[in-house]
């Protein structure tokens, strides 16, 4: 639901503007979805690992989420890149491979 006078097109424009401004400030948004909440130790390790991919003037903006459907592992999204290391995806790929004729 949007306030009166604000259309979904305007909201999209605001989102695009915020994305451009974040890039200008060197902010790199990253979303990590895991099956269970990450412990403080895992979160610190993840931030360190992701930080190694950043340029010197960039800052990681990490957002975390949970989705039990992943079963285990995690999905990492940085910009338009997505790396799915979830157990659910591994199972789905294994089932597909086993369904192929020999």
N, C-alpha and C. Protein backbone atom coordinates (compact mmCIF):
# COMPACT_ATOMS: atom_id res chain seq x y z
N UNK A 1 0.85 -1.17 0.00
CA UNK A 1 0.00 0.00 0.00
C UNK A 1 0.89 1.24 0.00
N UNK A 2 0.62 2.12 -0.91
CA UNK A 2 1.42 3.34 -1.06
C UNK A 2 0.60 4.54 -0.60
N UNK A 3 1.25 5.56 -0.07
CA UNK A 3 0.53 6.78 0.32
C UNK A 3 -0.15 7.41 -0.89
N UNK A 4 -1.16 8.19 -0.62
CA UNK A 4 -1.90 8.84 -1.70
C UNK A 4 -0.95 9.64 -2.58
N UNK A 5 -1.09 9.50 -3.88
CA UNK A 5 -0.28 10.26 -4.82
C UNK A 5 1.04 9.60 -5.16
N UNK A 6 1.36 8.47 -4.55
CA UNK A 6 2.62 7.77 -4.84
C UNK A 6 2.27 6.50 -5.59
N UNK A 7 2.71 6.41 -6.82
CA UNK A 7 2.43 5.23 -7.63
C UNK A 7 3.57 4.23 -7.51
N UNK A 8 3.35 3.02 -8.00
CA UNK A 8 4.41 2.02 -7.99
C UNK A 8 5.55 2.47 -8.89
N UNK A 9 5.25 3.23 -9.93
CA UNK A 9 6.30 3.74 -10.81
C UNK A 9 7.20 4.72 -10.04
N UNK A 10 6.59 5.58 -9.23
CA UNK A 10 7.38 6.52 -8.43
C UNK A 10 8.25 5.75 -7.45
N UNK A 11 7.70 4.71 -6.84
CA UNK A 11 8.45 3.91 -5.89
C UNK A 11 9.65 3.27 -6.58
N UNK A 12 9.45 2.79 -7.80
CA UNK A 12 10.56 2.22 -8.57
C UNK A 12 11.64 3.25 -8.85
N UNK A 13 11.21 4.48 -9.13
CA UNK A 13 12.17 5.57 -9.38
C UNK A 13 12.98 5.88 -8.13
N UNK A 14 12.31 5.89 -6.96
CA UNK A 14 13.01 6.13 -5.70
C UNK A 14 14.04 5.04 -5.43
N UNK A 15 13.63 3.80 -5.70
CA UNK A 15 14.53 2.66 -5.47
C UNK A 15 15.76 2.76 -6.37
N UNK A 16 15.54 3.10 -7.64
CA UNK A 16 16.64 3.26 -8.59
C UNK A 16 17.56 4.39 -8.15
N UNK A 17 16.99 5.52 -7.72
CA UNK A 17 17.78 6.64 -7.24
C UNK A 17 18.64 6.22 -6.04
N UNK A 18 18.04 5.51 -5.09
CA UNK A 18 18.79 5.06 -3.92
C UNK A 18 19.92 4.11 -4.31
N UNK A 19 19.67 3.26 -5.29
CA UNK A 19 20.70 2.33 -5.76
C UNK A 19 21.87 3.10 -6.38
N UNK A 20 21.55 4.09 -7.19
CA UNK A 20 22.59 4.91 -7.84
C UNK A 20 23.40 5.67 -6.80
N UNK A 21 22.73 6.24 -5.82
CA UNK A 21 23.42 7.01 -4.77
C UNK A 21 24.29 6.09 -3.91
N UNK A 22 23.81 4.89 -3.61
CA UNK A 22 24.61 3.94 -2.83
C UNK A 22 25.88 3.58 -3.60
N UNK A 23 25.75 3.36 -4.91
CA UNK A 23 26.92 3.05 -5.73
C UNK A 23 27.90 4.22 -5.73
N UNK A 24 27.37 5.43 -5.79
CA UNK A 24 28.22 6.63 -5.77
C UNK A 24 29.02 6.72 -4.47
N UNK A 25 28.40 6.28 -3.37
CA UNK A 25 29.07 6.31 -2.06
C UNK A 25 29.98 5.10 -1.85
N UNK A 26 30.02 4.19 -2.82
CA UNK A 26 30.86 3.00 -2.69
C UNK A 26 30.24 1.91 -1.85
N UNK A 27 28.93 1.97 -1.66
CA UNK A 27 28.23 0.96 -0.86
C UNK A 27 27.84 -0.21 -1.76
N UNK A 28 28.13 -1.41 -1.29
CA UNK A 28 27.83 -2.62 -2.05
C UNK A 28 26.79 -3.42 -1.27
N UNK A 29 25.53 -3.41 -1.73
CA UNK A 29 24.50 -4.16 -1.02
C UNK A 29 24.67 -5.66 -1.23
N UNK A 30 24.49 -6.41 -0.18
CA UNK A 30 24.63 -7.86 -0.24
C UNK A 30 23.55 -8.48 0.65
N UNK A 31 22.82 -9.44 0.10
CA UNK A 31 21.80 -10.14 0.87
C UNK A 31 22.21 -11.60 1.00
N UNK A 32 22.21 -12.09 2.23
CA UNK A 32 22.53 -13.49 2.51
C UNK A 32 21.32 -14.13 3.16
N UNK A 33 20.81 -15.17 2.52
CA UNK A 33 19.68 -15.90 3.06
C UNK A 33 20.16 -17.28 3.48
N UNK A 34 19.89 -17.64 4.72
CA UNK A 34 20.31 -18.94 5.24
C UNK A 34 19.09 -19.67 5.80
N UNK A 35 19.24 -20.97 5.99
CA UNK A 35 18.12 -21.77 6.50
C UNK A 35 17.80 -21.42 7.94
N UNK A 36 18.82 -21.06 8.69
CA UNK A 36 18.67 -20.69 10.09
C UNK A 36 19.45 -19.40 10.34
N UNK A 37 19.10 -18.66 11.39
CA UNK A 37 19.86 -17.44 11.68
C UNK A 37 21.34 -17.76 11.87
N UNK A 38 22.20 -16.88 11.37
CA UNK A 38 23.64 -17.07 11.49
C UNK A 38 24.12 -16.67 12.88
N UNK A 39 25.05 -17.44 13.42
CA UNK A 39 25.64 -17.08 14.71
C UNK A 39 26.53 -15.87 14.52
N UNK A 40 26.90 -15.24 15.61
CA UNK A 40 27.79 -14.07 15.53
C UNK A 40 29.12 -14.44 14.88
N UNK A 41 29.65 -15.63 15.21
CA UNK A 41 30.92 -16.08 14.62
C UNK A 41 30.79 -16.30 13.12
N UNK A 42 29.69 -16.95 12.70
CA UNK A 42 29.48 -17.18 11.27
C UNK A 42 29.30 -15.86 10.53
N UNK A 43 28.58 -14.94 11.15
CA UNK A 43 28.35 -13.63 10.53
C UNK A 43 29.66 -12.86 10.37
N UNK A 44 30.51 -12.92 11.38
CA UNK A 44 31.81 -12.24 11.30
C UNK A 44 32.67 -12.85 10.20
N UNK A 45 32.68 -14.18 10.11
CA UNK A 45 33.46 -14.87 9.07
C UNK A 45 32.93 -14.52 7.69
N UNK A 46 31.62 -14.46 7.57
CA UNK A 46 30.99 -14.14 6.28
C UNK A 46 31.34 -12.72 5.85
N UNK A 47 31.25 -11.77 6.78
CA UNK A 47 31.61 -10.38 6.47
C UNK A 47 33.07 -10.28 6.03
N UNK A 48 33.94 -11.00 6.71
CA UNK A 48 35.36 -10.98 6.34
C UNK A 48 35.57 -11.56 4.95
N UNK A 49 34.94 -12.69 4.67
CA UNK A 49 35.09 -13.34 3.36
C UNK A 49 34.54 -12.45 2.25
N UNK A 50 33.36 -11.86 2.45
CA UNK A 50 32.78 -10.99 1.43
C UNK A 50 33.59 -9.71 1.27
N UNK A 51 34.14 -9.22 2.36
CA UNK A 51 34.96 -8.02 2.32
C UNK A 51 36.20 -8.17 1.46
N UNK A 52 36.68 -9.40 1.33
CA UNK A 52 37.86 -9.66 0.50
C UNK A 52 37.60 -9.42 -0.99
N UNK A 53 36.33 -9.39 -1.38
CA UNK A 53 35.97 -9.17 -2.78
C UNK A 53 35.76 -7.69 -3.11
N UNK A 54 35.77 -6.85 -2.07
CA UNK A 54 35.51 -5.43 -2.28
C UNK A 54 36.78 -4.68 -2.65
N UNK A 55 36.58 -3.59 -3.37
CA UNK A 55 37.69 -2.70 -3.66
C UNK A 55 37.97 -1.87 -2.41
N UNK A 56 39.09 -1.21 -2.39
CA UNK A 56 39.53 -0.47 -1.21
C UNK A 56 38.52 0.59 -0.75
N UNK A 57 37.85 1.24 -1.68
CA UNK A 57 36.94 2.33 -1.33
C UNK A 57 35.48 1.88 -1.20
N UNK A 58 35.22 0.58 -1.19
CA UNK A 58 33.85 0.08 -1.12
C UNK A 58 33.51 -0.37 0.31
N UNK A 59 32.22 -0.29 0.62
CA UNK A 59 31.72 -0.66 1.94
C UNK A 59 30.58 -1.67 1.77
N UNK A 60 30.67 -2.79 2.48
CA UNK A 60 29.66 -3.83 2.40
C UNK A 60 28.44 -3.45 3.23
N UNK A 61 27.25 -3.52 2.60
CA UNK A 61 25.98 -3.33 3.31
C UNK A 61 25.29 -4.69 3.35
N UNK A 62 25.49 -5.41 4.44
CA UNK A 62 25.01 -6.79 4.54
C UNK A 62 23.62 -6.86 5.15
N UNK A 63 22.74 -7.54 4.44
CA UNK A 63 21.38 -7.81 4.92
C UNK A 63 21.25 -9.32 5.04
N UNK A 64 20.71 -9.80 6.16
CA UNK A 64 20.53 -11.23 6.33
C UNK A 64 19.05 -11.57 6.43
N UNK A 65 18.72 -12.76 5.99
CA UNK A 65 17.35 -13.26 6.06
C UNK A 65 17.41 -14.76 6.27
N UNK A 66 16.31 -15.33 6.72
CA UNK A 66 16.24 -16.78 6.87
C UNK A 66 15.09 -17.33 6.05
N UNK A 67 15.28 -18.54 5.54
CA UNK A 67 14.26 -19.25 4.78
C UNK A 67 14.47 -20.74 5.03
N UNK A 68 13.60 -21.34 5.82
CA UNK A 68 13.74 -22.75 6.19
C UNK A 68 13.69 -23.68 4.98
N UNK A 69 13.10 -23.22 3.87
CA UNK A 69 13.00 -24.04 2.66
C UNK A 69 14.37 -24.36 2.07
N UNK A 70 15.39 -23.60 2.46
CA UNK A 70 16.74 -23.86 1.96
C UNK A 70 17.33 -25.14 2.54
N UNK A 71 16.78 -25.62 3.64
CA UNK A 71 17.20 -26.81 4.39
C UNK A 71 18.55 -26.58 5.08
N UNK A 72 19.52 -26.11 4.36
CA UNK A 72 20.85 -25.82 4.89
C UNK A 72 21.59 -24.96 3.89
N UNK A 73 22.79 -24.53 4.24
CA UNK A 73 23.58 -23.70 3.33
C UNK A 73 23.04 -22.28 3.28
N UNK A 74 23.35 -21.58 2.18
CA UNK A 74 22.93 -20.18 2.05
C UNK A 74 22.89 -19.76 0.59
N UNK A 75 22.22 -18.64 0.37
CA UNK A 75 22.16 -18.00 -0.94
C UNK A 75 22.72 -16.59 -0.73
N UNK A 76 23.72 -16.22 -1.55
CA UNK A 76 24.36 -14.91 -1.44
C UNK A 76 24.06 -14.13 -2.71
N UNK A 77 23.52 -12.92 -2.53
CA UNK A 77 23.20 -12.05 -3.66
C UNK A 77 23.96 -10.73 -3.50
N UNK A 78 24.80 -10.43 -4.48
CA UNK A 78 25.56 -9.18 -4.49
C UNK A 78 25.30 -8.54 -5.85
N UNK A 79 24.62 -7.40 -5.83
CA UNK A 79 24.27 -6.76 -7.09
C UNK A 79 23.40 -7.68 -7.92
N UNK A 80 23.80 -7.91 -9.17
CA UNK A 80 23.02 -8.80 -10.03
C UNK A 80 23.58 -10.23 -10.03
N UNK A 81 24.52 -10.50 -9.15
CA UNK A 81 25.11 -11.84 -9.03
C UNK A 81 24.41 -12.61 -7.91
N UNK A 82 24.22 -13.92 -8.13
CA UNK A 82 23.57 -14.77 -7.14
C UNK A 82 24.30 -16.10 -7.08
N UNK A 83 24.70 -16.49 -5.87
CA UNK A 83 25.37 -17.78 -5.67
C UNK A 83 24.50 -18.58 -4.71
N UNK A 84 23.97 -19.70 -5.21
CA UNK A 84 23.07 -20.54 -4.42
C UNK A 84 23.84 -21.76 -3.94
N UNK A 85 24.15 -21.77 -2.66
CA UNK A 85 24.87 -22.89 -2.05
C UNK A 85 23.96 -23.63 -1.07
N UNK A 86 22.65 -23.58 -1.33
CA UNK A 86 21.68 -24.18 -0.42
C UNK A 86 21.59 -25.69 -0.64
N UNK A 87 21.24 -26.38 0.43
CA UNK A 87 21.04 -27.82 0.36
C UNK A 87 19.85 -28.15 -0.54
N UNK A 88 18.81 -27.33 -0.50
CA UNK A 88 17.63 -27.57 -1.33
C UNK A 88 18.00 -27.58 -2.81
N UNK A 89 18.83 -26.66 -3.25
CA UNK A 89 19.24 -26.60 -4.66
C UNK A 89 20.12 -27.81 -5.00
N UNK A 90 21.00 -28.20 -4.11
CA UNK A 90 21.84 -29.37 -4.36
C UNK A 90 20.99 -30.62 -4.51
N UNK A 91 19.96 -30.77 -3.67
CA UNK A 91 19.06 -31.92 -3.77
C UNK A 91 18.29 -31.88 -5.08
N UNK A 92 17.80 -30.70 -5.46
CA UNK A 92 17.05 -30.55 -6.71
C UNK A 92 17.92 -30.92 -7.92
N UNK A 93 19.18 -30.49 -7.92
CA UNK A 93 20.09 -30.80 -9.02
C UNK A 93 20.41 -32.30 -9.05
N UNK A 94 20.58 -32.89 -7.89
CA UNK A 94 20.87 -34.33 -7.82
C UNK A 94 19.69 -35.13 -8.32
N UNK A 95 18.46 -34.74 -7.94
CA UNK A 95 17.26 -35.43 -8.43
C UNK A 95 17.17 -35.34 -9.95
N UNK A 96 17.45 -34.16 -10.49
CA UNK A 96 17.40 -33.96 -11.94
C UNK A 96 18.43 -34.84 -12.64
N UNK A 97 19.63 -34.94 -12.07
CA UNK A 97 20.68 -35.76 -12.67
C UNK A 97 20.30 -37.24 -12.61
N UNK A 98 19.70 -37.67 -11.52
CA UNK A 98 19.31 -39.08 -11.39
C UNK A 98 18.14 -39.44 -12.29
N UNK A 99 17.35 -38.46 -12.68
CA UNK A 99 16.21 -38.70 -13.55
C UNK A 99 16.61 -38.84 -15.01
N UNK A 100 17.84 -38.45 -15.36
CA UNK A 100 18.33 -38.54 -16.73
C UNK A 100 18.63 -39.99 -17.08
N UNK A 101 18.31 -40.39 -18.32
CA UNK A 101 18.65 -41.76 -18.73
C UNK A 101 20.16 -41.93 -18.84
N UNK A 102 20.61 -43.15 -18.61
CA UNK A 102 22.05 -43.44 -18.70
C UNK A 102 22.47 -43.58 -20.10
